[in-house]
Amino acid sequence: MQALWPLQDAKNRFSELVEQALHDGPQVVTRHGKATVVVLSG
């Protein structure tokens, strides 16, 4: 299951977001409750 990150949380905890993407797969950033972007490892 993909993790959902509200935009403000993603901004404040970006390093953690990147680590989660590396270890747990794609992370979804939401804006106003809607999926906006996906962060994934390369």
N, C-alpha and C. Protein backbone atom coordinates (compact mmCIF):
# COMPACT_ATOMS: atom_id res chain seq x y z
N MET A 1 0.84 -1.19 0.00
CA MET A 1 0.00 0.00 0.00
C MET A 1 0.88 1.25 0.00
N GLN A 2 0.53 2.22 -0.80
CA GLN A 2 1.30 3.46 -0.88
C GLN A 2 0.94 4.37 0.29
N ALA A 3 1.95 5.04 0.81
CA ALA A 3 1.72 6.00 1.88
C ALA A 3 1.23 7.32 1.29
N LEU A 4 0.35 7.98 2.02
CA LEU A 4 -0.17 9.29 1.61
C LEU A 4 0.46 10.36 2.50
N TRP A 5 0.97 11.39 1.86
CA TRP A 5 1.61 12.50 2.56
C TRP A 5 0.91 13.80 2.17
N PRO A 6 0.25 14.48 3.10
CA PRO A 6 -0.24 15.82 2.79
C PRO A 6 0.94 16.71 2.40
N LEU A 7 0.74 17.63 1.49
CA LEU A 7 1.82 18.45 0.96
C LEU A 7 2.64 19.12 2.06
N GLN A 8 2.00 19.69 3.05
CA GLN A 8 2.75 20.39 4.11
C GLN A 8 3.65 19.42 4.86
N ASP A 9 3.16 18.21 5.15
CA ASP A 9 4.00 17.20 5.81
C ASP A 9 5.17 16.80 4.91
N ALA A 10 4.90 16.63 3.63
CA ALA A 10 5.97 16.26 2.69
C ALA A 10 7.05 17.34 2.66
N LYS A 11 6.66 18.60 2.69
CA LYS A 11 7.63 19.69 2.69
C LYS A 11 8.45 19.69 3.98
N ASN A 12 7.78 19.51 5.10
CA ASN A 12 8.45 19.57 6.39
C ASN A 12 9.32 18.36 6.68
N ARG A 13 9.00 17.22 6.08
CA ARG A 13 9.69 15.96 6.38
C ARG A 13 10.23 15.31 5.11
N PHE A 14 10.77 16.14 4.19
CA PHE A 14 11.17 15.64 2.89
C PHE A 14 12.21 14.52 2.97
N SER A 15 13.19 14.65 3.85
CA SER A 15 14.21 13.60 3.98
C SER A 15 13.57 12.27 4.36
N GLU A 16 12.62 12.31 5.27
CA GLU A 16 11.92 11.09 5.68
C GLU A 16 11.10 10.53 4.51
N LEU A 17 10.47 11.40 3.76
CA LEU A 17 9.69 10.99 2.59
C LEU A 17 10.58 10.25 1.59
N VAL A 18 11.77 10.79 1.34
CA VAL A 18 12.70 10.15 0.41
C VAL A 18 13.13 8.78 0.94
N GLU A 19 13.45 8.70 2.22
CA GLU A 19 13.85 7.41 2.81
C GLU A 19 12.73 6.39 2.70
N GLN A 20 11.50 6.82 2.93
CA GLN A 20 10.36 5.91 2.81
C GLN A 20 10.22 5.41 1.37
N ALA A 21 10.43 6.29 0.42
CA ALA A 21 10.35 5.89 -0.99
C ALA A 21 11.43 4.86 -1.31
N LEU A 22 12.62 5.06 -0.77
CA LEU A 22 13.72 4.12 -1.01
C LEU A 22 13.44 2.75 -0.43
N HIS A 23 12.88 2.71 0.77
CA HIS A 23 12.71 1.45 1.49
C HIS A 23 11.34 0.79 1.31
N ASP A 24 10.30 1.59 1.13
CA ASP A 24 8.94 1.05 1.13
C ASP A 24 8.20 1.22 -0.19
N GLY A 25 8.83 1.85 -1.18
CA GLY A 25 8.17 2.03 -2.46
C GLY A 25 7.55 3.40 -2.61
N PRO A 26 6.76 3.58 -3.66
CA PRO A 26 6.20 4.89 -4.01
C PRO A 26 5.42 5.54 -2.86
N GLN A 27 5.59 6.85 -2.75
CA GLN A 27 4.92 7.66 -1.74
C GLN A 27 4.09 8.72 -2.47
N VAL A 28 2.84 8.85 -2.09
CA VAL A 28 1.92 9.77 -2.76
C VAL A 28 1.78 11.05 -1.95
N VAL A 29 2.01 12.18 -2.60
CA VAL A 29 1.83 13.48 -1.97
C VAL A 29 0.46 14.01 -2.40
N THR A 30 -0.32 14.46 -1.41
CA THR A 30 -1.66 14.96 -1.70
C THR A 30 -1.72 16.47 -1.50
N ARG A 31 -2.63 17.07 -2.23
CA ARG A 31 -2.89 18.51 -2.10
C ARG A 31 -4.40 18.68 -2.12
N HIS A 32 -4.92 19.28 -1.07
CA HIS A 32 -6.37 19.45 -0.91
C HIS A 32 -7.07 18.09 -0.98
N GLY A 33 -6.42 17.06 -0.44
CA GLY A 33 -7.03 15.74 -0.36
C GLY A 33 -6.94 14.90 -1.62
N LYS A 34 -6.33 15.42 -2.66
CA LYS A 34 -6.22 14.68 -3.92
C LYS A 34 -4.77 14.34 -4.21
N ALA A 35 -4.53 13.14 -4.73
CA ALA A 35 -3.18 12.74 -5.10
C ALA A 35 -2.65 13.70 -6.16
N THR A 36 -1.45 14.23 -5.91
CA THR A 36 -0.87 15.23 -6.80
C THR A 36 0.39 14.72 -7.47
N VAL A 37 1.29 14.16 -6.68
CA VAL A 37 2.55 13.62 -7.21
C VAL A 37 2.90 12.32 -6.50
N VAL A 38 3.77 11.55 -7.13
CA VAL A 38 4.28 10.32 -6.53
C VAL A 38 5.79 10.43 -6.47
N VAL A 39 6.35 10.15 -5.30
CA VAL A 39 7.80 10.12 -5.13
C VAL A 39 8.22 8.66 -5.12
N LEU A 40 9.17 8.31 -6.00
CA LEU A 40 9.66 6.94 -6.04
C LEU A 40 11.16 6.92 -6.24
N SER A 41 11.77 5.81 -5.86
CA SER A 41 13.22 5.70 -5.99
C SER A 41 13.58 5.40 -7.43
N GLY A 42 14.79 5.79 -7.80
CA GLY A 42 15.23 5.60 -9.18
C GLY A 42 16.34 4.59 -9.31
